[in-house]
Amino acid sequence: MDLRIRGRKAIVCGASAGLGRATAVALAREGVSVVIAARDEARLSKAAQEITAETGGNVISVAADVTTEAGRASLLAACPEPDILINNAGGPPPGDFRTWTRDDWIKAIDSNMLSAIFLIQATVDGMIERKFGRVVNITSHMVKAPVSILGLSNGARAGLTGFVGGLSREVACHNVTLNSVLPGQFDTDRLKSNHVRFAQGGDVEAFRDRARSQIPARRFGDPEEFGDMCAFLCGARAGYITGQNILLDGGQFPGLL
């Protein structure tokens, strides 16, 4: 399917690895000029070179911490008029809410809520003027099925979800859409590191086997599958989809809504 976004410009955050990188690859394959951002300059530059080699696309890397005003400014200087914005940031560590301080909460909100909102604030009016815009927030399946040990992530991402739900209705008439994609367990380095932590010194592979067995699809997701979904939501053909939280979890969520 031709998504009809060749020649468009995109910002993809958290794109040096994992789901962000997979999304950047999918967009580059569609002929989108992609600016990728992450904090690790060496890793990000390597990712840009590899994505360019794989897709033949135009990929620029900007090492930036988008939780800071300076980081967002440097990213927007490289791509001041994006047609597509992919918000993505790794979640805070798990833990017991009894030990979390105000600083822990502010850090989580800055990373998983406010950084995305400020990037939307900086770009959405330009999208409205050009009569085309696609914002996709990569959040988490925990927005729909929260667990207590991930409370920092749950709280911040739920706040972003509520904000996006309201704004999406305001801008839809301008062919600007805002959606969130909620990943379950995708086979990324972050998932592997979480499994090491959750195994608590036990057999990590046995833990991963148990985790896999609890997914109806009986496997972890392939990041490429995730990137393709994000790219579809960014396409011209997806203009009637907005304000949605699209769950990609292999059937693990047991509810209907």
C-alpha atoms as a PDB file:
ATOM      1  CA  MET A   1       0.000   0.000   0.000  1.00  0.00           C
ATOM      2  CA  ASP A   2       1.266   3.449  -0.922  1.00  0.00           C
ATOM      3  CA  LEU A   3       0.726   5.595   2.187  1.00  0.00           C
ATOM      4  CA  ARG A   4       1.072   8.753   0.067  1.00  0.00           C
ATOM      5  CA  ILE A   5       3.541  10.480   2.361  1.00  0.00           C
ATOM      6  CA  ARG A   6       6.620  10.475   0.123  1.00  0.00           C
ATOM      7  CA  GLY A   7       8.420  13.777   0.505  1.00  0.00           C
ATOM      8  CA  ARG A   8       6.924  14.516   3.922  1.00  0.00           C
ATOM      9  CA  LYS A   9       9.139  15.418   6.890  1.00  0.00           C
ATOM     10  CA  ALA A  10       9.123  13.579  10.204  1.00  0.00           C
ATOM     11  CA  ILE A  11      10.610  13.845  13.667  1.00  0.00           C
ATOM     12  CA  VAL A  12      11.030  10.530  15.469  1.00  0.00           C
ATOM     13  CA  CYS A  13      12.070  10.647  19.116  1.00  0.00           C
ATOM     14  CA  GLY A  14      13.833   7.840  20.913  1.00  0.00           C
ATOM     15  CA  ALA A  15      14.920   6.444  17.571  1.00  0.00           C
ATOM     16  CA  SER A  16      18.384   5.067  18.236  1.00  0.00           C
ATOM     17  CA  ALA A  17      16.952   1.610  19.001  1.00  0.00           C
ATOM     18  CA  GLY A  18      13.820  -0.402  19.606  1.00  0.00           C
ATOM     19  CA  LEU A  19      10.361   0.757  18.615  1.00  0.00           C
ATOM     20  CA  GLY A  20      11.441   4.302  17.767  1.00  0.00           C
ATOM     21  CA  ARG A  21      14.062   3.063  15.362  1.00  0.00           C
ATOM     22  CA  ALA A  22      11.606   0.603  13.787  1.00  0.00           C
ATOM     23  CA  THR A  23       9.195   3.481  13.207  1.00  0.00           C
ATOM     24  CA  ALA A  24      11.926   5.597  11.615  1.00  0.00           C
ATOM     25  CA  VAL A  25      12.765   2.710   9.273  1.00  0.00           C
ATOM     26  CA  ALA A  26       9.129   2.280   8.250  1.00  0.00           C
ATOM     27  CA  LEU A  27       8.749   5.997   7.505  1.00  0.00           C
ATOM     28  CA  ALA A  28      12.015   6.171   5.581  1.00  0.00           C
ATOM     29  CA  ARG A  29      10.872   3.259   3.419  1.00  0.00           C
ATOM     30  CA  GLU A  30       7.819   5.354   2.507  1.00  0.00           C
ATOM     31  CA  GLY A  31      10.048   8.158   1.239  1.00  0.00           C
ATOM     32  CA  VAL A  32       9.699  10.382   4.293  1.00  0.00           C
ATOM     33  CA  SER A  33      12.677  12.564   5.258  1.00  0.00           C
ATOM     34  CA  VAL A  34      13.315  11.584   8.857  1.00  0.00           C
ATOM     35  CA  VAL A  35      15.056  13.426  11.674  1.00  0.00           C
ATOM     36  CA  ILE A  36      15.793  10.998  14.481  1.00  0.00           C
ATOM     37  CA  ALA A  37      16.553  12.011  18.039  1.00  0.00           C
ATOM     38  CA  ALA A  38      17.996  10.362  21.130  1.00  0.00           C
ATOM     39  CA  ARG A  39      20.528  11.244  23.800  1.00  0.00           C
ATOM     40  CA  ASP A  40      23.376   8.872  22.890  1.00  0.00           C
ATOM     41  CA  GLU A  41      25.109  10.610  19.965  1.00  0.00           C
ATOM     42  CA  ALA A  42      27.298   7.702  18.882  1.00  0.00           C
ATOM     43  CA  ARG A  43      24.480   5.175  18.954  1.00  0.00           C
ATOM     44  CA  LEU A  44      22.119   7.581  17.206  1.00  0.00           C
ATOM     45  CA  SER A  45      24.583   8.415  14.449  1.00  0.00           C
ATOM     46  CA  LYS A  46      25.155   4.717  13.825  1.00  0.00           C
ATOM     47  CA  ALA A  47      21.404   4.153  13.636  1.00  0.00           C
ATOM     48  CA  ALA A  48      21.025   6.977  11.093  1.00  0.00           C
ATOM     49  CA  GLN A  49      23.727   5.479   8.886  1.00  0.00           C
ATOM     50  CA  GLU A  50      22.184   2.014   9.071  1.00  0.00           C
ATOM     51  CA  ILE A  51      18.649   3.248   8.357  1.00  0.00           C
ATOM     52  CA  THR A  52      19.921   5.220   5.366  1.00  0.00           C
ATOM     53  CA  ALA A  53      21.755   2.169   4.049  1.00  0.00           C
ATOM     54  CA  GLU A  54      18.706  -0.061   4.583  1.00  0.00           C
ATOM     55  CA  THR A  55      16.079   2.226   3.084  1.00  0.00           C
ATOM     56  CA  GLY A  56      17.919   4.642   0.837  1.00  0.00           C
ATOM     57  CA  GLY A  57      16.104   7.410   2.695  1.00  0.00           C
ATOM     58  CA  ASN A  58      17.157  10.810   3.936  1.00  0.00           C
ATOM     59  CA  VAL A  59      17.885  10.398   7.644  1.00  0.00           C
ATOM     60  CA  ILE A  60      19.409  13.063   9.888  1.00  0.00           C
ATOM     61  CA  SER A  61      20.397  12.471  13.506  1.00  0.00           C
ATOM     62  CA  VAL A  62      20.132  15.063  16.277  1.00  0.00           C
ATOM     63  CA  ALA A  63      21.530  14.099  19.663  1.00  0.00           C
ATOM     64  CA  ALA A  64      19.146  15.759  22.102  1.00  0.00           C
ATOM     65  CA  ASP A  65      17.396  15.246  25.399  1.00  0.00           C
ATOM     66  CA  VAL A  66      13.833  16.197  24.483  1.00  0.00           C
ATOM     67  CA  THR A  67      12.845  16.420  28.145  1.00  0.00           C
ATOM     68  CA  THR A  68      14.746  19.727  28.186  1.00  0.00           C
ATOM     69  CA  GLU A  69      13.884  22.999  26.459  1.00  0.00           C
ATOM     70  CA  ALA A  70      17.352  23.129  24.889  1.00  0.00           C
ATOM     71  CA  GLY A  71      17.013  19.604  23.539  1.00  0.00           C
ATOM     72  CA  ARG A  72      13.646  20.323  21.961  1.00  0.00           C
ATOM     73  CA  ALA A  73      14.977  23.544  20.464  1.00  0.00           C
ATOM     74  CA  SER A  74      17.898  21.787  18.778  1.00  0.00           C
ATOM     75  CA  LEU A  75      15.585  19.129  17.387  1.00  0.00           C
ATOM     76  CA  LEU A  76      13.123  21.683  16.018  1.00  0.00           C
ATOM     77  CA  ALA A  77      15.986  23.692  14.515  1.00  0.00           C
ATOM     78  CA  ALA A  78      16.838  20.620  12.424  1.00  0.00           C
ATOM     79  CA  CYS A  79      13.189  20.084  11.413  1.00  0.00           C
ATOM     80  CA  PRO A  80      11.149  23.242  12.087  1.00  0.00           C
ATOM     81  CA  GLU A  81       8.101  22.223  10.027  1.00  0.00           C
ATOM     82  CA  PRO A  82       7.494  18.507  10.486  1.00  0.00           C
ATOM     83  CA  ASP A  83       4.456  16.912   8.904  1.00  0.00           C
ATOM     84  CA  ILE A  84       4.817  13.931  11.223  1.00  0.00           C
ATOM     85  CA  LEU A  85       5.789  13.807  14.889  1.00  0.00           C
ATOM     86  CA  ILE A  86       6.514  10.558  16.705  1.00  0.00           C
ATOM     87  CA  ASN A  87       6.762  11.069  20.455  1.00  0.00           C
ATOM     88  CA  ASN A  88       8.633   8.309  22.222  1.00  0.00           C
ATOM     89  CA  ALA A  89      10.558   8.027  25.480  1.00  0.00           C
ATOM     90  CA  GLY A  90      11.620   5.124  27.619  1.00  0.00           C
ATOM     91  CA  GLY A  91       9.609   4.664  30.769  1.00  0.00           C
ATOM     92  CA  PRO A  92      10.895   5.183  34.316  1.00  0.00           C
ATOM     93  CA  PRO A  93      12.048   2.181  36.331  1.00  0.00           C
ATOM     94  CA  PRO A  94       9.591  -0.009  38.219  1.00  0.00           C
ATOM     95  CA  GLY A  95       9.320   0.196  41.957  1.00  0.00           C
ATOM     96  CA  ASP A  96       7.188   0.663  45.066  1.00  0.00           C
ATOM     97  CA  PHE A  97       5.202   3.912  45.105  1.00  0.00           C
ATOM     98  CA  ARG A  98       5.998   4.278  48.807  1.00  0.00           C
ATOM     99  CA  THR A  99       9.609   5.051  47.920  1.00  0.00           C
ATOM    100  CA  TRP A 100       8.977   7.518  45.077  1.00  0.00           C
ATOM    101  CA  THR A 101       9.772  11.128  45.800  1.00  0.00           C
ATOM    102  CA  ARG A 102       8.409  14.271  44.197  1.00  0.00           C
ATOM    103  CA  ASP A 103      11.567  14.397  42.063  1.00  0.00           C
ATOM    104  CA  ASP A 104      10.844  10.872  40.781  1.00  0.00           C
ATOM    105  CA  TRP A 105       7.332  11.940  39.745  1.00  0.00           C
ATOM    106  CA  ILE A 106       8.498  15.164  38.081  1.00  0.00           C
ATOM    107  CA  LYS A 107      11.152  13.272  36.120  1.00  0.00           C
ATOM    108  CA  ALA A 108       8.561  10.743  34.909  1.00  0.00           C
ATOM    109  CA  ILE A 109       6.094  13.463  33.936  1.00  0.00           C
ATOM    110  CA  ASP A 110       8.795  15.440  32.105  1.00  0.00           C
ATOM    111  CA  SER A 111       9.860  12.363  30.158  1.00  0.00           C
ATOM    112  CA  ASN A 112       6.567  10.626  29.397  1.00  0.00           C
ATOM    113  CA  MET A 113       4.074  13.489  29.327  1.00  0.00           C
ATOM    114  CA  LEU A 114       5.353  17.054  29.134  1.00  0.00           C
ATOM    115  CA  SER A 115       8.100  16.544  26.537  1.00  0.00           C
ATOM    116  CA  ALA A 116       5.502  15.185  24.105  1.00  0.00           C
ATOM    117  CA  ILE A 117       3.033  17.967  24.885  1.00  0.00           C
ATOM    118  CA  PHE A 118       5.643  20.670  24.316  1.00  0.00           C
ATOM    119  CA  LEU A 119       6.673  19.161  20.972  1.00  0.00           C
ATOM    120  CA  ILE A 120       3.024  19.004  19.933  1.00  0.00           C
ATOM    121  CA  GLN A 121       2.598  22.612  21.043  1.00  0.00           C
ATOM    122  CA  ALA A 122       5.576  23.662  18.905  1.00  0.00           C
ATOM    123  CA  THR A 123       4.458  21.868  15.735  1.00  0.00           C
ATOM    124  CA  VAL A 124       0.678  21.475  15.580  1.00  0.00           C
ATOM    125  CA  ASP A 125      -0.166  24.984  14.354  1.00  0.00           C
ATOM    126  CA  GLY A 126       2.170  24.553  11.386  1.00  0.00           C
ATOM    127  CA  MET A 127       0.451  21.266  10.593  1.00  0.00           C
ATOM    128  CA  ILE A 128      -2.908  23.041  10.725  1.00  0.00           C
ATOM    129  CA  GLU A 129      -1.701  25.746   8.342  1.00  0.00           C
ATOM    130  CA  ARG A 130      -0.410  23.145   5.865  1.00  0.00           C
ATOM    131  CA  LYS A 131      -3.609  21.071   6.213  1.00  0.00           C
ATOM    132  CA  PHE A 132      -1.689  17.903   7.000  1.00  0.00           C
ATOM    133  CA  GLY A 133      -0.319  16.583  10.238  1.00  0.00           C
ATOM    134  CA  ARG A 134       0.169  13.266  11.970  1.00  0.00           C
ATOM    135  CA  VAL A 135       1.163  12.899  15.614  1.00  0.00           C
ATOM    136  CA  VAL A 136       1.722   9.427  17.033  1.00  0.00           C
ATOM    137  CA  ASN A 137       2.601   8.936  20.674  1.00  0.00           C
ATOM    138  CA  ILE A 138       4.288   5.684  21.580  1.00  0.00           C
ATOM    139  CA  THR A 139       3.008   4.950  25.078  1.00  0.00           C
ATOM    140  CA  SER A 140       2.381   1.537  26.671  1.00  0.00           C
ATOM    141  CA  HIS A 141      -0.234  -1.176  27.044  1.00  0.00           C
ATOM    142  CA  MET A 142      -0.067  -0.321  30.739  1.00  0.00           C
ATOM    143  CA  VAL A 143      -2.239   2.713  29.966  1.00  0.00           C
ATOM    144  CA  LYS A 144      -5.093   0.218  29.583  1.00  0.00           C
ATOM    145  CA  ALA A 145      -3.895  -2.426  32.020  1.00  0.00           C
ATOM    146  CA  PRO A 146      -1.783  -0.721  34.701  1.00  0.00           C
ATOM    147  CA  VAL A 147       0.272  -2.578  37.271  1.00  0.00           C
ATOM    148  CA  SER A 148       1.438  -0.961  40.477  1.00  0.00           C
ATOM    149  CA  ILE A 149       5.181  -1.414  40.033  1.00  0.00           C
ATOM    150  CA  LEU A 150       5.035   0.720  36.874  1.00  0.00           C
ATOM    151  CA  GLY A 151       3.044   3.485  38.532  1.00  0.00           C
ATOM    152  CA  LEU A 152       5.388   6.281  37.448  1.00  0.00           C
ATOM    153  CA  SER A 153       4.939   5.304  33.819  1.00  0.00           C
ATOM    154  CA  ASN A 154       1.212   4.616  34.209  1.00  0.00           C
ATOM    155  CA  GLY A 155       0.516   8.023  35.687  1.00  0.00           C
ATOM    156  CA  ALA A 156       2.554  10.092  33.234  1.00  0.00           C
ATOM    157  CA  ARG A 157       1.401   8.241  30.124  1.00  0.00           C
ATOM    158  CA  ALA A 158      -2.230   8.349  31.197  1.00  0.00           C
ATOM    159  CA  GLY A 159      -1.899  12.120  31.546  1.00  0.00           C
ATOM    160  CA  LEU A 160      -0.579  12.376  27.985  1.00  0.00           C
ATOM    161  CA  THR A 161      -3.400  10.139  26.770  1.00  0.00           C
ATOM    162  CA  GLY A 162      -6.012  12.421  28.288  1.00  0.00           C
ATOM    163  CA  PHE A 163      -4.449  15.543  26.802  1.00  0.00           C
ATOM    164  CA  VAL A 164      -4.215  14.032  23.325  1.00  0.00           C
ATOM    165  CA  GLY A 165      -7.807  12.820  23.442  1.00  0.00           C
ATOM    166  CA  GLY A 166      -9.058  16.350  23.904  1.00  0.00           C
ATOM    167  CA  LEU A 167      -6.775  18.078  21.395  1.00  0.00           C
ATOM    168  CA  SER A 168      -7.431  15.476  18.689  1.00  0.00           C
ATOM    169  CA  ARG A 169     -11.074  16.581  18.428  1.00  0.00           C
ATOM    170  CA  GLU A 170     -10.098  20.231  18.076  1.00  0.00           C
ATOM    171  CA  VAL A 171      -7.708  19.793  15.146  1.00  0.00           C
ATOM    172  CA  ALA A 172      -9.317  16.936  13.199  1.00  0.00           C
ATOM    173  CA  CYS A 173     -11.081  19.320  10.816  1.00  0.00           C
ATOM    174  CA  HIS A 174      -7.663  20.500   9.580  1.00  0.00           C
ATOM    175  CA  ASN A 175      -6.518  17.001   8.523  1.00  0.00           C
ATOM    176  CA  VAL A 176      -4.336  16.791  11.616  1.00  0.00           C
ATOM    177  CA  THR A 177      -4.620  13.585  13.621  1.00  0.00           C
ATOM    178  CA  LEU A 178      -3.268  12.588  17.012  1.00  0.00           C
ATOM    179  CA  ASN A 179      -3.183   8.960  18.069  1.00  0.00           C
ATOM    180  CA  SER A 180      -1.322   6.780  20.513  1.00  0.00           C
ATOM    181  CA  VAL A 181       0.044   3.303  19.924  1.00  0.00           C
ATOM    182  CA  LEU A 182       0.234   1.105  23.011  1.00  0.00           C
ATOM    183  CA  PRO A 183       2.894  -1.598  22.710  1.00  0.00           C
ATOM    184  CA  GLY A 184       2.743  -4.779  24.695  1.00  0.00           C
ATOM    185  CA  GLN A 185       5.822  -6.981  24.928  1.00  0.00           C
ATOM    186  CA  PHE A 186       7.982  -6.358  21.885  1.00  0.00           C
ATOM    187  CA  ASP A 187      11.326  -8.070  21.519  1.00  0.00           C
ATOM    188  CA  THR A 188      13.572  -5.087  22.214  1.00  0.00           C
ATOM    189  CA  ASP A 189      16.657  -4.534  24.348  1.00  0.00           C
ATOM    190  CA  ARG A 190      14.482  -2.724  26.885  1.00  0.00           C
ATOM    191  CA  LEU A 191      12.176  -5.732  27.252  1.00  0.00           C
ATOM    192  CA  LYS A 192      15.176  -8.000  27.754  1.00  0.00           C
ATOM    193  CA  SER A 193      16.643  -5.722  30.424  1.00  0.00           C
ATOM    194  CA  ASN A 194      13.269  -5.584  32.198  1.00  0.00           C
ATOM    195  CA  HIS A 195      13.090  -9.362  32.150  1.00  0.00           C
ATOM    196  CA  VAL A 196      16.538  -9.559  33.736  1.00  0.00           C
ATOM    197  CA  ARG A 197      15.322  -7.210  36.476  1.00  0.00           C
ATOM    198  CA  PHE A 198      12.021  -9.010  37.013  1.00  0.00           C
ATOM    199  CA  ALA A 199      13.740 -12.423  37.133  1.00  0.00           C
ATOM    200  CA  GLN A 200      15.531 -11.193  40.270  1.00  0.00           C
ATOM    201  CA  GLY A 201      18.628 -13.293  39.763  1.00  0.00           C
ATOM    202  CA  GLY A 202      16.734 -16.364  38.605  1.00  0.00           C
ATOM    203  CA  ASP A 203      16.719 -18.071  35.227  1.00  0.00           C
ATOM    204  CA  VAL A 204      16.076 -15.229  32.759  1.00  0.00           C
ATOM    205  CA  GLU A 205      15.232 -17.512  29.846  1.00  0.00           C
ATOM    206  CA  ALA A 206      12.737 -19.422  31.952  1.00  0.00           C
ATOM    207  CA  PHE A 207      11.176 -16.103  32.948  1.00  0.00           C
ATOM    208  CA  ARG A 208      10.973 -15.063  29.294  1.00  0.00           C
ATOM    209  CA  ASP A 209       9.358 -18.381  28.390  1.00  0.00           C
ATOM    210  CA  ARG A 210       6.693 -17.843  31.051  1.00  0.00           C
ATOM    211  CA  ALA A 211       6.089 -14.292  29.855  1.00  0.00           C
ATOM    212  CA  ARG A 212       5.760 -15.503  26.273  1.00  0.00           C
ATOM    213  CA  SER A 213       3.322 -18.237  27.264  1.00  0.00           C
ATOM    214  CA  GLN A 214       0.952 -15.646  28.777  1.00  0.00           C
ATOM    215  CA  ILE A 215       0.547 -13.872  25.423  1.00  0.00           C
ATOM    216  CA  PRO A 216      -2.230 -15.405  23.276  1.00  0.00           C
ATOM    217  CA  ALA A 217      -0.013 -15.014  20.188  1.00  0.00           C
ATOM    218  CA  ARG A 218       2.621 -17.065  22.082  1.00  0.00           C
ATOM    219  CA  ARG A 219       5.427 -14.747  21.014  1.00  0.00           C
ATOM    220  CA  PHE A 220       6.871 -11.311  21.625  1.00  0.00           C
ATOM    221  CA  GLY A 221       6.125  -8.657  19.049  1.00  0.00           C
ATOM    222  CA  ASP A 222       8.504  -7.877  16.199  1.00  0.00           C
ATOM    223  CA  PRO A 223       9.501  -4.176  16.265  1.00  0.00           C
ATOM    224  CA  GLU A 224       9.001  -4.053  12.499  1.00  0.00           C
ATOM    225  CA  GLU A 225       5.298  -4.821  13.031  1.00  0.00           C
ATOM    226  CA  PHE A 226       5.084  -1.875  15.370  1.00  0.00           C
ATOM    227  CA  GLY A 227       6.878   0.481  12.988  1.00  0.00           C
ATOM    228  CA  ASP A 228       4.527  -0.473  10.174  1.00  0.00           C
ATOM    229  CA  MET A 229       1.473   0.374  12.302  1.00  0.00           C
ATOM    230  CA  CYS A 230       2.904   3.770  13.203  1.00  0.00           C
ATOM    231  CA  ALA A 231       3.710   4.469   9.553  1.00  0.00           C
ATOM    232  CA  PHE A 232       0.161   3.566   8.529  1.00  0.00           C
ATOM    233  CA  LEU A 233      -1.268   6.015  11.074  1.00  0.00           C
ATOM    234  CA  CYS A 234       0.989   8.683   9.572  1.00  0.00           C
ATOM    235  CA  GLY A 235      -0.276   8.028   6.062  1.00  0.00           C
ATOM    236  CA  ALA A 236      -2.680  10.098   4.005  1.00  0.00           C
ATOM    237  CA  ARG A 237      -5.122   7.163   4.057  1.00  0.00           C
ATOM    238  CA  ALA A 238      -5.418   7.286   7.855  1.00  0.00           C
ATOM    239  CA  GLY A 239      -6.957  10.737   8.091  1.00  0.00           C
ATOM    240  CA  TYR A 240     -10.206   9.439   9.609  1.00  0.00           C
ATOM    241  CA  ILE A 241      -8.432   7.836  12.576  1.00  0.00           C
ATOM    242  CA  THR A 242      -7.838  10.252  15.433  1.00  0.00           C
ATOM    243  CA  GLY A 243      -7.972  10.346  19.215  1.00  0.00           C
ATOM    244  CA  GLN A 244      -7.436   6.585  19.361  1.00  0.00           C
ATOM    245  CA  ASN A 245      -5.333   4.336  21.569  1.00  0.00           C
ATOM    246  CA  ILE A 246      -4.311   1.432  19.400  1.00  0.00           C
ATOM    247  CA  LEU A 247      -3.198  -1.618  21.345  1.00  0.00           C
ATOM    248  CA  LEU A 248      -0.537  -3.935  19.911  1.00  0.00           C
ATOM    249  CA  ASP A 249      -0.072  -6.693  22.456  1.00  0.00           C
ATOM    250  CA  GLY A 250      -0.672 -10.051  20.783  1.00  0.00           C
ATOM    251  CA  GLY A 251      -4.087 -10.305  22.434  1.00  0.00           C
ATOM    252  CA  GLN A 252      -2.861 -10.051  26.026  1.00  0.00           C
ATOM    253  CA  PHE A 253      -5.362  -7.399  27.174  1.00  0.00           C
ATOM    254  CA  PRO A 254      -8.508  -9.333  28.220  1.00  0.00           C
ATOM    255  CA  GLY A 255     -11.104  -6.565  27.869  1.00  0.00           C
ATOM    256  CA  LEU A 256     -13.224  -5.290  25.001  1.00  0.00           C
ATOM    257  CA  LEU A 257     -12.556  -1.543  25.297  1.00  0.00           C
END
